[in-house]
Amino acid sequence: MIANMSESKLDLLSRLWEEHMRAPFPPRMRGREIEGEDMVLLDADIAGCILSSLSGPLDERRRKILLVRLAAVEKVLPSIDDEGVTEHYEHLREMAAVAVELGNATAR
């Protein structure tokens, strides 16, 4: 049953990744920091971990990075005042959460 659950999460993560790749990065966020977080770097760090997760289980270092960056997204979201930008970072948060769940399922 866990393998089926993992496969389902992997399919979801693949779909979310495809959606992310089709969406442009919000131009307003280039060179911007919110709550001490560089918004381009936040996006790039999560994207790199997601891409790795799609290739196989995350190693411990990438898993830790993903957890830290997931917390950073949670921290900055309330301070974003643009609906389109909010959607972009909510999408990143969703991808990161699915990747963490996927990693937890494969670790069992």
C-alpha atoms as a PDB file:
ATOM      1  CA  MET A   1       0.000   0.000   0.000  1.00  0.00           C
ATOM      2  CA  ILE A   2       2.840   2.423   0.738  1.00  0.00           C
ATOM      3  CA  ALA A   3       4.236   1.922  -2.763  1.00  0.00           C
ATOM      4  CA  ASN A   4       0.855   2.912  -4.240  1.00  0.00           C
ATOM      5  CA  MET A   5       0.683   5.942  -1.958  1.00  0.00           C
ATOM      6  CA  SER A   6       4.237   6.907  -2.949  1.00  0.00           C
ATOM      7  CA  GLU A   7       3.448   6.525  -6.626  1.00  0.00           C
ATOM      8  CA  SER A   8       0.402   8.728  -6.218  1.00  0.00           C
ATOM      9  CA  LYS A   9       2.499  11.405  -4.480  1.00  0.00           C
ATOM     10  CA  LEU A  10       5.131  11.117  -7.203  1.00  0.00           C
ATOM     11  CA  ASP A  11       2.480  11.633  -9.882  1.00  0.00           C
ATOM     12  CA  LEU A  12       1.181  14.668  -8.003  1.00  0.00           C
ATOM     13  CA  LEU A  13       4.666  16.083  -7.614  1.00  0.00           C
ATOM     14  CA  SER A  14       5.334  15.558 -11.330  1.00  0.00           C
ATOM     15  CA  ARG A  15       2.172  17.421 -12.240  1.00  0.00           C
ATOM     16  CA  LEU A  16       2.948  20.271  -9.851  1.00  0.00           C
ATOM     17  CA  TRP A  17       6.475  20.495 -11.263  1.00  0.00           C
ATOM     18  CA  GLU A  18       5.172  20.700 -14.824  1.00  0.00           C
ATOM     19  CA  GLU A  19       2.802  23.494 -13.776  1.00  0.00           C
ATOM     20  CA  HIS A  20       5.667  25.298 -12.046  1.00  0.00           C
ATOM     21  CA  MET A  21       7.879  25.076 -15.114  1.00  0.00           C
ATOM     22  CA  ARG A  22       5.142  26.583 -17.315  1.00  0.00           C
ATOM     23  CA  ALA A  23       4.595  29.545 -14.998  1.00  0.00           C
ATOM     24  CA  PRO A  24       6.953  32.512 -15.242  1.00  0.00           C
ATOM     25  CA  PHE A  25       8.794  33.672 -12.165  1.00  0.00           C
ATOM     26  CA  PRO A  26       7.082  36.803 -10.795  1.00  0.00           C
ATOM     27  CA  PRO A  27       9.220  39.705 -12.104  1.00  0.00           C
ATOM     28  CA  ARG A  28       8.438  41.788  -8.991  1.00  0.00           C
ATOM     29  CA  MET A  29      10.335  39.292  -6.862  1.00  0.00           C
ATOM     30  CA  ARG A  30      13.663  39.623  -8.678  1.00  0.00           C
ATOM     31  CA  GLY A  31      16.160  41.213  -6.322  1.00  0.00           C
ATOM     32  CA  ARG A  32      13.616  41.365  -3.507  1.00  0.00           C
ATOM     33  CA  GLU A  33      13.917  40.154   0.058  1.00  0.00           C
ATOM     34  CA  ILE A  34      10.965  39.490   2.336  1.00  0.00           C
ATOM     35  CA  GLU A  35      11.457  38.660   6.003  1.00  0.00           C
ATOM     36  CA  GLY A  36      15.191  38.305   5.274  1.00  0.00           C
ATOM     37  CA  GLU A  37      14.646  35.767   2.492  1.00  0.00           C
ATOM     38  CA  ASP A  38      15.932  36.319  -1.038  1.00  0.00           C
ATOM     39  CA  MET A  39      12.861  35.428  -3.070  1.00  0.00           C
ATOM     40  CA  VAL A  40      14.757  34.193  -6.144  1.00  0.00           C
ATOM     41  CA  LEU A  41      16.996  31.984  -4.020  1.00  0.00           C
ATOM     42  CA  LEU A  42      13.995  30.629  -2.116  1.00  0.00           C
ATOM     43  CA  ASP A  43      12.369  29.615  -5.396  1.00  0.00           C
ATOM     44  CA  ALA A  44      15.597  28.137  -6.777  1.00  0.00           C
ATOM     45  CA  ASP A  45      16.416  26.136  -3.645  1.00  0.00           C
ATOM     46  CA  ILE A  46      12.976  24.540  -3.547  1.00  0.00           C
ATOM     47  CA  ALA A  47      12.999  23.892  -7.288  1.00  0.00           C
ATOM     48  CA  GLY A  48      16.379  22.170  -7.060  1.00  0.00           C
ATOM     49  CA  CYS A  49      15.168  19.884  -4.274  1.00  0.00           C
ATOM     50  CA  ILE A  50      11.968  19.097  -6.184  1.00  0.00           C
ATOM     51  CA  LEU A  51      13.922  18.202  -9.303  1.00  0.00           C
ATOM     52  CA  SER A  52      16.127  15.890  -7.229  1.00  0.00           C
ATOM     53  CA  SER A  53      13.061  14.368  -5.583  1.00  0.00           C
ATOM     54  CA  LEU A  54      11.604  13.526  -8.985  1.00  0.00           C
ATOM     55  CA  SER A  55      14.757  11.513  -9.747  1.00  0.00           C
ATOM     56  CA  GLY A  56      14.648   9.459  -6.573  1.00  0.00           C
ATOM     57  CA  PRO A  57      14.513   9.764  -2.794  1.00  0.00           C
ATOM     58  CA  LEU A  58      16.145  12.893  -1.395  1.00  0.00           C
ATOM     59  CA  ASP A  59      19.375  12.465   0.482  1.00  0.00           C
ATOM     60  CA  GLU A  60      19.456  13.793   4.030  1.00  0.00           C
ATOM     61  CA  ARG A  61      21.155  17.073   3.049  1.00  0.00           C
ATOM     62  CA  ARG A  62      18.541  17.945   0.426  1.00  0.00           C
ATOM     63  CA  ARG A  63      15.727  16.865   2.720  1.00  0.00           C
ATOM     64  CA  LYS A  64      16.998  19.265   5.401  1.00  0.00           C
ATOM     65  CA  ILE A  65      17.299  22.063   2.830  1.00  0.00           C
ATOM     66  CA  LEU A  66      13.741  21.410   1.687  1.00  0.00           C
ATOM     67  CA  LEU A  67      12.405  21.502   5.255  1.00  0.00           C
ATOM     68  CA  VAL A  68      14.226  24.766   5.987  1.00  0.00           C
ATOM     69  CA  ARG A  69      13.024  26.341   2.747  1.00  0.00           C
ATOM     70  CA  LEU A  70       9.461  25.115   3.361  1.00  0.00           C
ATOM     71  CA  ALA A  71       9.553  26.934   6.716  1.00  0.00           C
ATOM     72  CA  ALA A  72      10.892  30.028   4.924  1.00  0.00           C
ATOM     73  CA  VAL A  73       7.959  29.991   2.492  1.00  0.00           C
ATOM     74  CA  GLU A  74       5.566  29.772   5.425  1.00  0.00           C
ATOM     75  CA  LYS A  75       7.331  32.762   6.988  1.00  0.00           C
ATOM     76  CA  VAL A  76       7.181  35.006   3.902  1.00  0.00           C
ATOM     77  CA  LEU A  77       3.699  34.202   2.586  1.00  0.00           C
ATOM     78  CA  PRO A  78       1.816  36.498   5.001  1.00  0.00           C
ATOM     79  CA  SER A  79       4.007  39.430   3.884  1.00  0.00           C
ATOM     80  CA  ILE A  80       3.336  39.057   0.153  1.00  0.00           C
ATOM     81  CA  ASP A  81       0.807  41.605  -1.008  1.00  0.00           C
ATOM     82  CA  ASP A  82       0.264  40.475  -4.605  1.00  0.00           C
ATOM     83  CA  GLU A  83      -2.214  37.681  -5.359  1.00  0.00           C
ATOM     84  CA  GLY A  84      -0.249  36.342  -8.345  1.00  0.00           C
ATOM     85  CA  VAL A  85       2.969  36.259  -6.344  1.00  0.00           C
ATOM     86  CA  THR A  86       1.174  34.642  -3.426  1.00  0.00           C
ATOM     87  CA  GLU A  87      -0.090  31.902  -5.758  1.00  0.00           C
ATOM     88  CA  HIS A  88       3.447  31.283  -7.027  1.00  0.00           C
ATOM     89  CA  TYR A  89       4.845  30.792  -3.533  1.00  0.00           C
ATOM     90  CA  GLU A  90       1.828  28.771  -2.376  1.00  0.00           C
ATOM     91  CA  HIS A  91       2.514  26.474  -5.320  1.00  0.00           C
ATOM     92  CA  LEU A  92       6.143  26.165  -4.192  1.00  0.00           C
ATOM     93  CA  ARG A  93       4.936  25.389  -0.679  1.00  0.00           C
ATOM     94  CA  GLU A  94       2.628  22.676  -1.994  1.00  0.00           C
ATOM     95  CA  MET A  95       5.398  21.090  -4.062  1.00  0.00           C
ATOM     96  CA  ALA A  96       7.792  21.148  -1.114  1.00  0.00           C
ATOM     97  CA  ALA A  97       5.203  19.597   1.205  1.00  0.00           C
ATOM     98  CA  VAL A  98       4.448  16.802  -1.286  1.00  0.00           C
ATOM     99  CA  ALA A  99       8.173  16.110  -1.719  1.00  0.00           C
ATOM    100  CA  VAL A 100       8.619  15.898   2.062  1.00  0.00           C
ATOM    101  CA  GLU A 101       5.634  13.526   2.311  1.00  0.00           C
ATOM    102  CA  LEU A 102       7.018  11.464  -0.554  1.00  0.00           C
ATOM    103  CA  GLY A 103      10.368  11.232   1.220  1.00  0.00           C
ATOM    104  CA  ASN A 104       8.662  10.213   4.461  1.00  0.00           C
ATOM    105  CA  ALA A 105       6.692   7.489   2.657  1.00  0.00           C
ATOM    106  CA  THR A 106       9.757   6.041   0.928  1.00  0.00           C
ATOM    107  CA  ALA A 107      11.754   6.089   4.185  1.00  0.00           C
ATOM    108  CA  ARG A 108       9.308   3.734   5.884  1.00  0.00           C
END
